[in-house]
Amino acid sequence: MTNKSAPFLFSCALAIVLSASALAQQSSDPNFNPHVEHPAYTKNFPRVLFDEAHNNFHTTTGHYKPFVDLIFSDGYQRRG
């Protein structure tokens, strides 16, 4: 191996190692307990919107479900 090929081989090895992290998948914690002891919003509720159109990856029934559960546990009331 020559000194000129070492950087190339290092770059290839680095690309292989870094590409392995691309295979990791995001997932939510289905066992998350969103219980809030003292809700912050009991009278004036903030408006929280989720864009679930355009085939978005995160939805209120999917990956954002623990966050949605936390919002409702903090006193937010669902409005029609």
PDB file of N, CA and C in Angstrom:
ATOM      1  N   MET A   1       0.845  -1.166   0.000  1.00  0.00           N
ATOM      2  CA  MET A   1       0.000   0.000   0.000  1.00  0.00           C
ATOM      3  C   MET A   1       0.892   1.231   0.000  1.00  0.00           C
ATOM      4  N   THR A   2       0.566   2.161  -0.855  1.00  0.00           N
ATOM      5  CA  THR A   2       1.354   3.386  -0.934  1.00  0.00           C
ATOM      6  C   THR A   2       0.709   4.468  -0.077  1.00  0.00           C
ATOM      7  N   ASN A   3       1.452   5.515   0.164  1.00  0.00           N
ATOM      8  CA  ASN A   3       0.928   6.627   0.957  1.00  0.00           C
ATOM      9  C   ASN A   3      -0.213   7.337   0.245  1.00  0.00           C
ATOM     10  N   LYS A   4      -0.267   7.236  -1.091  1.00  0.00           N
ATOM     11  CA  LYS A   4      -1.327   7.902  -1.842  1.00  0.00           C
ATOM     12  C   LYS A   4      -2.655   7.173  -1.723  1.00  0.00           C
ATOM     13  N   SER A   5      -2.640   5.866  -1.504  1.00  0.00           N
ATOM     14  CA  SER A   5      -3.882   5.113  -1.417  1.00  0.00           C
ATOM     15  C   SER A   5      -4.466   5.106  -0.001  1.00  0.00           C
ATOM     16  N   ALA A   6      -3.684   5.479   0.996  1.00  0.00           N
ATOM     17  CA  ALA A   6      -4.159   5.470   2.380  1.00  0.00           C
ATOM     18  C   ALA A   6      -5.338   6.420   2.597  1.00  0.00           C
ATOM     19  N   PRO A   7      -5.282   7.662   2.121  1.00  0.00           N
ATOM     20  CA  PRO A   7      -6.445   8.546   2.313  1.00  0.00           C
ATOM     21  C   PRO A   7      -7.707   8.030   1.620  1.00  0.00           C
ATOM     22  N   PHE A   8      -7.531   7.412   0.462  1.00  0.00           N
ATOM     23  CA  PHE A   8      -8.684   6.858  -0.245  1.00  0.00           C
ATOM     24  C   PHE A   8      -9.309   5.718   0.558  1.00  0.00           C
ATOM     25  N   LEU A   9      -8.490   4.828   1.062  1.00  0.00           N
ATOM     26  CA  LEU A   9      -9.004   3.705   1.852  1.00  0.00           C
ATOM     27  C   LEU A   9      -9.644   4.197   3.144  1.00  0.00           C
ATOM     28  N   PHE A  10      -9.045   5.215   3.754  1.00  0.00           N
ATOM     29  CA  PHE A  10      -9.623   5.789   4.964  1.00  0.00           C
ATOM     30  C   PHE A  10     -10.988   6.402   4.660  1.00  0.00           C
ATOM     31  N   SER A  11     -11.094   7.111   3.544  1.00  0.00           N
ATOM     32  CA  SER A  11     -12.361   7.723   3.146  1.00  0.00           C
ATOM     33  C   SER A  11     -13.428   6.659   2.889  1.00  0.00           C
ATOM     34  N   CYS A  12     -13.044   5.570   2.259  1.00  0.00           N
ATOM     35  CA  CYS A  12     -13.989   4.477   2.002  1.00  0.00           C
ATOM     36  C   CYS A  12     -14.466   3.848   3.307  1.00  0.00           C
ATOM     37  N   ALA A  13     -13.531   3.595   4.214  1.00  0.00           N
ATOM     38  CA  ALA A  13     -13.894   3.006   5.504  1.00  0.00           C
ATOM     39  C   ALA A  13     -14.806   3.946   6.283  1.00  0.00           C
ATOM     40  N   LEU A  14     -14.511   5.241   6.261  1.00  0.00           N
ATOM     41  CA  LEU A  14     -15.332   6.223   6.959  1.00  0.00           C
ATOM     42  C   LEU A  14     -16.736   6.285   6.357  1.00  0.00           C
ATOM     43  N   ALA A  15     -16.834   6.216   5.047  1.00  0.00           N
ATOM     44  CA  ALA A  15     -18.139   6.238   4.380  1.00  0.00           C
ATOM     45  C   ALA A  15     -18.961   5.017   4.763  1.00  0.00           C
ATOM     46  N   ILE A  16     -18.342   3.873   4.887  1.00  0.00           N
ATOM     47  CA  ILE A  16     -19.059   2.652   5.278  1.00  0.00           C
ATOM     48  C   ILE A  16     -19.565   2.763   6.712  1.00  0.00           C
ATOM     49  N   VAL A  17     -18.728   3.252   7.606  1.00  0.00           N
ATOM     50  CA  VAL A  17     -19.124   3.388   9.013  1.00  0.00           C
ATOM     51  C   VAL A  17     -20.258   4.406   9.157  1.00  0.00           C
ATOM     52  N   LEU A  18     -20.155   5.533   8.476  1.00  0.00           N
ATOM     53  CA  LEU A  18     -21.187   6.563   8.592  1.00  0.00           C
ATOM     54  C   LEU A  18     -22.486   6.160   7.915  1.00  0.00           C
ATOM     55  N   SER A  19     -22.416   5.358   6.882  1.00  0.00           N
ATOM     56  CA  SER A  19     -23.643   4.946   6.201  1.00  0.00           C
ATOM     57  C   SER A  19     -24.447   3.970   7.054  1.00  0.00           C
ATOM     58  N   ALA A  20     -23.819   3.294   7.981  1.00  0.00           N
ATOM     59  CA  ALA A  20     -24.542   2.376   8.863  1.00  0.00           C
ATOM     60  C   ALA A  20     -25.538   3.140   9.726  1.00  0.00           C
ATOM     61  N   SER A  21     -25.217   4.381  10.103  1.00  0.00           N
ATOM     62  CA  SER A  21     -26.148   5.158  10.916  1.00  0.00           C
ATOM     63  C   SER A  21     -27.365   5.583  10.107  1.00  0.00           C
ATOM     64  N   ALA A  22     -27.257   5.612   8.811  1.00  0.00           N
ATOM     65  CA  ALA A  22     -28.394   5.973   7.957  1.00  0.00           C
ATOM     66  C   ALA A  22     -29.456   4.884   7.980  1.00  0.00           C
ATOM     67  N   LEU A  23     -29.100   3.690   8.346  1.00  0.00           N
ATOM     68  CA  LEU A  23     -30.048   2.586   8.394  1.00  0.00           C
ATOM     69  C   LEU A  23     -30.862   2.576   9.683  1.00  0.00           C
ATOM     70  N   ALA A  24     -30.483   3.384  10.670  1.00  0.00           N
ATOM     71  CA  ALA A  24     -31.212   3.448  11.932  1.00  0.00           C
ATOM     72  C   ALA A  24     -32.581   4.070  11.680  1.00  0.00           C
ATOM     73  N   GLN A  25     -33.581   3.569  12.383  1.00  0.00           N
ATOM     74  CA  GLN A  25     -34.939   4.077  12.186  1.00  0.00           C
ATOM     75  C   GLN A  25     -35.391   4.845  13.417  1.00  0.00           C
ATOM     76  N   GLN A  26     -36.187   5.880  13.191  1.00  0.00           N
ATOM     77  CA  GLN A  26     -36.770   6.626  14.292  1.00  0.00           C
ATOM     78  C   GLN A  26     -37.992   5.871  14.785  1.00  0.00           C
ATOM     79  N   SER A  27     -38.177   5.880  16.078  1.00  0.00           N
ATOM     80  CA  SER A  27     -39.379   5.261  16.630  1.00  0.00           C
ATOM     81  C   SER A  27     -39.759   5.988  17.909  1.00  0.00           C
ATOM     82  N   SER A  28     -41.032   5.977  18.213  1.00  0.00           N
ATOM     83  CA  SER A  28     -41.498   6.615  19.437  1.00  0.00           C
ATOM     84  C   SER A  28     -41.571   5.574  20.545  1.00  0.00           C
ATOM     85  N   ASP A  29     -41.660   6.053  21.762  1.00  0.00           N
ATOM     86  CA  ASP A  29     -41.722   5.165  22.919  1.00  0.00           C
ATOM     87  C   ASP A  29     -43.182   4.876  23.238  1.00  0.00           C
ATOM     88  N   PRO A  30     -43.680   3.675  22.933  1.00  0.00           N
ATOM     89  CA  PRO A  30     -45.089   3.378  23.189  1.00  0.00           C
ATOM     90  C   PRO A  30     -45.414   3.288  24.683  1.00  0.00           C
ATOM     91  N   ASN A  31     -44.403   3.158  25.534  1.00  0.00           N
ATOM     92  CA  ASN A  31     -44.625   3.052  26.974  1.00  0.00           C
ATOM     93  C   ASN A  31     -44.457   4.380  27.700  1.00  0.00           C
ATOM     94  N   PHE A  32     -44.344   5.481  26.948  1.00  0.00           N
ATOM     95  CA  PHE A  32     -44.171   6.793  27.553  1.00  0.00           C
ATOM     96  C   PHE A  32     -45.398   7.155  28.382  1.00  0.00           C
ATOM     97  N   ASN A  33     -45.175   7.595  29.622  1.00  0.00           N
ATOM     98  CA  ASN A  33     -46.271   7.994  30.513  1.00  0.00           C
ATOM     99  C   ASN A  33     -46.383   9.513  30.485  1.00  0.00           C
ATOM    100  N   PRO A  34     -47.423  10.062  29.843  1.00  0.00           N
ATOM    101  CA  PRO A  34     -47.531  11.507  29.698  1.00  0.00           C
ATOM    102  C   PRO A  34     -48.231  12.203  30.851  1.00  0.00           C
ATOM    103  N   HIS A  35     -48.418  11.530  31.967  1.00  0.00           N
ATOM    104  CA  HIS A  35     -49.169  12.103  33.088  1.00  0.00           C
ATOM    105  C   HIS A  35     -48.505  13.388  33.591  1.00  0.00           C
ATOM    106  N   VAL A  36     -49.315  14.452  33.710  1.00  0.00           N
ATOM    107  CA  VAL A  36     -48.834  15.738  34.216  1.00  0.00           C
ATOM    108  C   VAL A  36     -49.517  15.974  35.552  1.00  0.00           C
ATOM    109  N   GLU A  37     -48.725  16.081  36.600  1.00  0.00           N
ATOM    110  CA  GLU A  37     -49.265  16.235  37.951  1.00  0.00           C
ATOM    111  C   GLU A  37     -50.047  17.538  38.107  1.00  0.00           C
ATOM    112  N   HIS A  38     -49.485  18.635  37.617  1.00  0.00           N
ATOM    113  CA  HIS A  38     -50.134  19.948  37.723  1.00  0.00           C
ATOM    114  C   HIS A  38     -50.218  20.566  36.326  1.00  0.00           C
ATOM    115  N   PRO A  39     -51.336  20.374  35.636  1.00  0.00           N
ATOM    116  CA  PRO A  39     -51.468  20.896  34.268  1.00  0.00           C
ATOM    117  C   PRO A  39     -51.278  22.411  34.198  1.00  0.00           C
ATOM    118  N   ALA A  40     -50.582  22.862  33.191  1.00  0.00           N
ATOM    119  CA  ALA A  40     -50.309  24.285  33.003  1.00  0.00           C
ATOM    120  C   ALA A  40     -51.485  24.998  32.348  1.00  0.00           C
ATOM    121  N   TYR A  41     -52.260  24.288  31.566  1.00  0.00           N
ATOM    122  CA  TYR A  41     -53.349  24.914  30.823  1.00  0.00           C
ATOM    123  C   TYR A  41     -54.681  24.361  31.306  1.00  0.00           C
ATOM    124  N   THR A  42     -55.356  25.131  32.155  1.00  0.00           N
ATOM    125  CA  THR A  42     -56.665  24.700  32.647  1.00  0.00           C
ATOM    126  C   THR A  42     -57.778  25.635  32.196  1.00  0.00           C
ATOM    127  N   LYS A  43     -57.427  26.860  31.762  1.00  0.00           N
ATOM    128  CA  LYS A  43     -58.443  27.816  31.312  1.00  0.00           C
ATOM    129  C   LYS A  43     -58.182  28.302  29.892  1.00  0.00           C
ATOM    130  N   ASN A  44     -57.008  28.770  29.617  1.00  0.00           N
ATOM    131  CA  ASN A  44     -56.648  29.260  28.281  1.00  0.00           C
ATOM    132  C   ASN A  44     -55.758  28.224  27.604  1.00  0.00           C
ATOM    133  N   PHE A  45     -56.279  27.662  26.525  1.00  0.00           N
ATOM    134  CA  PHE A  45     -55.578  26.574  25.855  1.00  0.00           C
ATOM    135  C   PHE A  45     -54.842  27.080  24.613  1.00  0.00           C
ATOM    136  N   PRO A  46     -53.598  26.698  24.428  1.00  0.00           N
ATOM    137  CA  PRO A  46     -52.882  27.087  23.208  1.00  0.00           C
ATOM    138  C   PRO A  46     -53.403  26.292  22.015  1.00  0.00           C
ATOM    139  N   ARG A  47     -53.202  26.810  20.855  1.00  0.00           N
ATOM    140  CA  ARG A  47     -53.586  26.096  19.639  1.00  0.00           C
ATOM    141  C   ARG A  47     -52.368  25.337  19.135  1.00  0.00           C
ATOM    142  N   VAL A  48     -52.505  24.054  19.006  1.00  0.00           N
ATOM    143  CA  VAL A  48     -51.420  23.196  18.530  1.00  0.00           C
ATOM    144  C   VAL A  48     -51.887  22.546  17.234  1.00  0.00           C
ATOM    145  N   LEU A  49     -51.143  22.758  16.173  1.00  0.00           N
ATOM    146  CA  LEU A  49     -51.511  22.226  14.866  1.00  0.00           C
ATOM    147  C   LEU A  49     -50.455  21.253  14.363  1.00  0.00           C
ATOM    148  N   PHE A  50     -50.897  20.213  13.693  1.00  0.00           N
ATOM    149  CA  PHE A  50     -50.002  19.247  13.078  1.00  0.00           C
ATOM    150  C   PHE A  50     -50.347  19.159  11.597  1.00  0.00           C
ATOM    151  N   ASP A  51     -49.351  19.230  10.764  1.00  0.00           N
ATOM    152  CA  ASP A  51     -49.544  19.092   9.327  1.00  0.00           C
ATOM    153  C   ASP A  51     -49.348  17.623   8.965  1.00  0.00           C
ATOM    154  N   GLU A  52     -50.449  16.932   8.761  1.00  0.00           N
ATOM    155  CA  GLU A  52     -50.377  15.514   8.419  1.00  0.00           C
ATOM    156  C   GLU A  52     -50.614  15.281   6.928  1.00  0.00           C
ATOM    157  N   ALA A  53     -50.691  16.351   6.174  1.00  0.00           N
ATOM    158  CA  ALA A  53     -50.906  16.221   4.735  1.00  0.00           C
ATOM    159  C   ALA A  53     -49.575  15.935   4.033  1.00  0.00           C
ATOM    160  N   HIS A  54     -49.642  15.714   2.766  1.00  0.00           N
ATOM    161  CA  HIS A  54     -48.459  15.523   1.924  1.00  0.00           C
ATOM    162  C   HIS A  54     -47.601  14.331   2.356  1.00  0.00           C
ATOM    163  N   ASN A  55     -48.226  13.300   2.889  1.00  0.00           N
ATOM    164  CA  ASN A  55     -47.525  12.070   3.301  1.00  0.00           C
ATOM    165  C   ASN A  55     -46.411  12.336   4.311  1.00  0.00           C
ATOM    166  N   ASN A  56     -46.664  13.230   5.267  1.00  0.00           N
ATOM    167  CA  ASN A  56     -45.664  13.507   6.297  1.00  0.00           C
ATOM    168  C   ASN A  56     -45.392  12.256   7.115  1.00  0.00           C
ATOM    169  N   PHE A  57     -44.160  12.127   7.533  1.00  0.00           N
ATOM    170  CA  PHE A  57     -43.711  10.954   8.278  1.00  0.00           C
ATOM    171  C   PHE A  57     -44.288  10.939   9.692  1.00  0.00           C
ATOM    172  N   HIS A  58     -44.344  12.102  10.330  1.00  0.00           N
ATOM    173  CA  HIS A  58     -44.833  12.193  11.703  1.00  0.00           C
ATOM    174  C   HIS A  58     -46.320  12.547  11.710  1.00  0.00           C
ATOM    175  N   THR A  59     -47.111  11.775  12.450  1.00  0.00           N
ATOM    176  CA  THR A  59     -48.538  12.026  12.564  1.00  0.00           C
ATOM    177  C   THR A  59     -48.945  11.952  14.028  1.00  0.00           C
ATOM    178  N   THR A  60     -50.141  12.461  14.333  1.00  0.00           N
ATOM    179  CA  THR A  60     -50.612  12.461  15.718  1.00  0.00           C
ATOM    180  C   THR A  60     -50.948  11.057  16.215  1.00  0.00           C
ATOM    181  N   THR A  61     -51.139  10.121  15.306  1.00  0.00           N
ATOM    182  CA  THR A  61     -51.419   8.743  15.715  1.00  0.00           C
ATOM    183  C   THR A  61     -50.205   7.841  15.534  1.00  0.00           C
ATOM    184  N   GLY A  62     -49.121   8.416  15.044  1.00  0.00           N
ATOM    185  CA  GLY A  62     -47.900   7.640  14.810  1.00  0.00           C
ATOM    186  C   GLY A  62     -46.774   8.097  15.706  1.00  0.00           C
ATOM    187  N   HIS A  63     -45.732   8.646  15.096  1.00  0.00           N
ATOM    188  CA  HIS A  63     -44.528   9.018  15.836  1.00  0.00           C
ATOM    189  C   HIS A  63     -44.733  10.165  16.823  1.00  0.00           C
ATOM    190  N   TYR A  64     -45.730  11.026  16.586  1.00  0.00           N
ATOM    191  CA  TYR A  64     -45.983  12.134  17.512  1.00  0.00           C
ATOM    192  C   TYR A  64     -47.003  11.780  18.586  1.00  0.00           C
ATOM    193  N   LYS A  65     -47.485  10.543  18.623  1.00  0.00           N
ATOM    194  CA  LYS A  65     -48.505  10.150  19.598  1.00  0.00           C
ATOM    195  C   LYS A  65     -48.086  10.426  21.036  1.00  0.00           C
ATOM    196  N   PRO A  66     -46.872  10.123  21.472  1.00  0.00           N
ATOM    197  CA  PRO A  66     -46.493  10.448  22.852  1.00  0.00           C
ATOM    198  C   PRO A  66     -46.559  11.956  23.137  1.00  0.00           C
ATOM    199  N   PHE A  67     -46.192  12.779  22.157  1.00  0.00           N
ATOM    200  CA  PHE A  67     -46.263  14.229  22.332  1.00  0.00           C
ATOM    201  C   PHE A  67     -47.722  14.686  22.413  1.00  0.00           C
ATOM    202  N   VAL A  68     -48.580  14.122  21.578  1.00  0.00           N
ATOM    203  CA  VAL A  68     -49.999  14.462  21.607  1.00  0.00           C
ATOM    204  C   VAL A  68     -50.606  14.057  22.947  1.00  0.00           C
ATOM    205  N   ASP A  69     -50.248  12.885  23.446  1.00  0.00           N
ATOM    206  CA  ASP A  69     -50.736  12.443  24.750  1.00  0.00           C
ATOM    207  C   ASP A  69     -50.281  13.398  25.854  1.00  0.00           C
ATOM    208  N   LEU A  70     -49.061  13.890  25.758  1.00  0.00           N
ATOM    209  CA  LEU A  70     -48.553  14.845  26.738  1.00  0.00           C
ATOM    210  C   LEU A  70     -49.337  16.147  26.688  1.00  0.00           C
ATOM    211  N   ILE A  71     -49.641  16.629  25.497  1.00  0.00           N
ATOM    212  CA  ILE A  71     -50.415  17.864  25.360  1.00  0.00           C
ATOM    213  C   ILE A  71     -51.788  17.710  26.016  1.00  0.00           C
ATOM    214  N   PHE A  72     -52.461  16.611  25.763  1.00  0.00           N
ATOM    215  CA  PHE A  72     -53.780  16.397  26.353  1.00  0.00           C
ATOM    216  C   PHE A  72     -53.690  16.192  27.858  1.00  0.00           C
ATOM    217  N   SER A  73     -52.635  15.595  28.321  1.00  0.00           N
ATOM    218  CA  SER A  73     -52.449  15.401  29.756  1.00  0.00           C
ATOM    219  C   SER A  73     -52.154  16.712  30.468  1.00  0.00           C
ATOM    220  N   ASP A  74     -51.657  17.698  29.729  1.00  0.00           N
ATOM    221  CA  ASP A  74     -51.329  18.990  30.324  1.00  0.00           C
ATOM    222  C   ASP A  74     -52.536  19.928  30.357  1.00  0.00           C
ATOM    223  N   GLY A  75     -53.707  19.398  30.112  1.00  0.00           N
ATOM    224  CA  GLY A  75     -54.918  20.184  30.252  1.00  0.00           C
ATOM    225  C   GLY A  75     -55.534  20.626  28.952  1.00  0.00           C
ATOM    226  N   TYR A  76     -54.857  20.407  27.848  1.00  0.00           N
ATOM    227  CA  TYR A  76     -55.397  20.808  26.551  1.00  0.00           C
ATOM    228  C   TYR A  76     -56.622  19.992  26.230  1.00  0.00           C
ATOM    229  N   GLN A  77     -57.666  20.633  25.755  1.00  0.00           N
ATOM    230  CA  GLN A  77     -58.890  19.935  25.409  1.00  0.00           C
ATOM    231  C   GLN A  77     -59.055  19.907  23.897  1.00  0.00           C
ATOM    232  N   ARG A  78     -59.415  18.791  23.372  1.00  0.00           N
ATOM    233  CA  ARG A  78     -59.635  18.660  21.920  1.00  0.00           C
ATOM    234  C   ARG A  78     -60.903  19.421  21.550  1.00  0.00           C
ATOM    235  N   ARG A  79     -60.786  20.221  20.528  1.00  0.00           N
ATOM    236  CA  ARG A  79     -61.946  20.974  20.042  1.00  0.00           C
ATOM    237  C   ARG A  79     -62.251  20.522  18.617  1.00  0.00           C
ATOM    238  N   GLY A  80     -63.553  20.391  18.334  1.00  0.00           N
ATOM    239  CA  GLY A  80     -63.992  19.924  17.035  1.00  0.00           C
ATOM    240  C   GLY A  80     -63.661  20.873  15.984  1.00  0.00           C
TER     241      GLY A  80
END
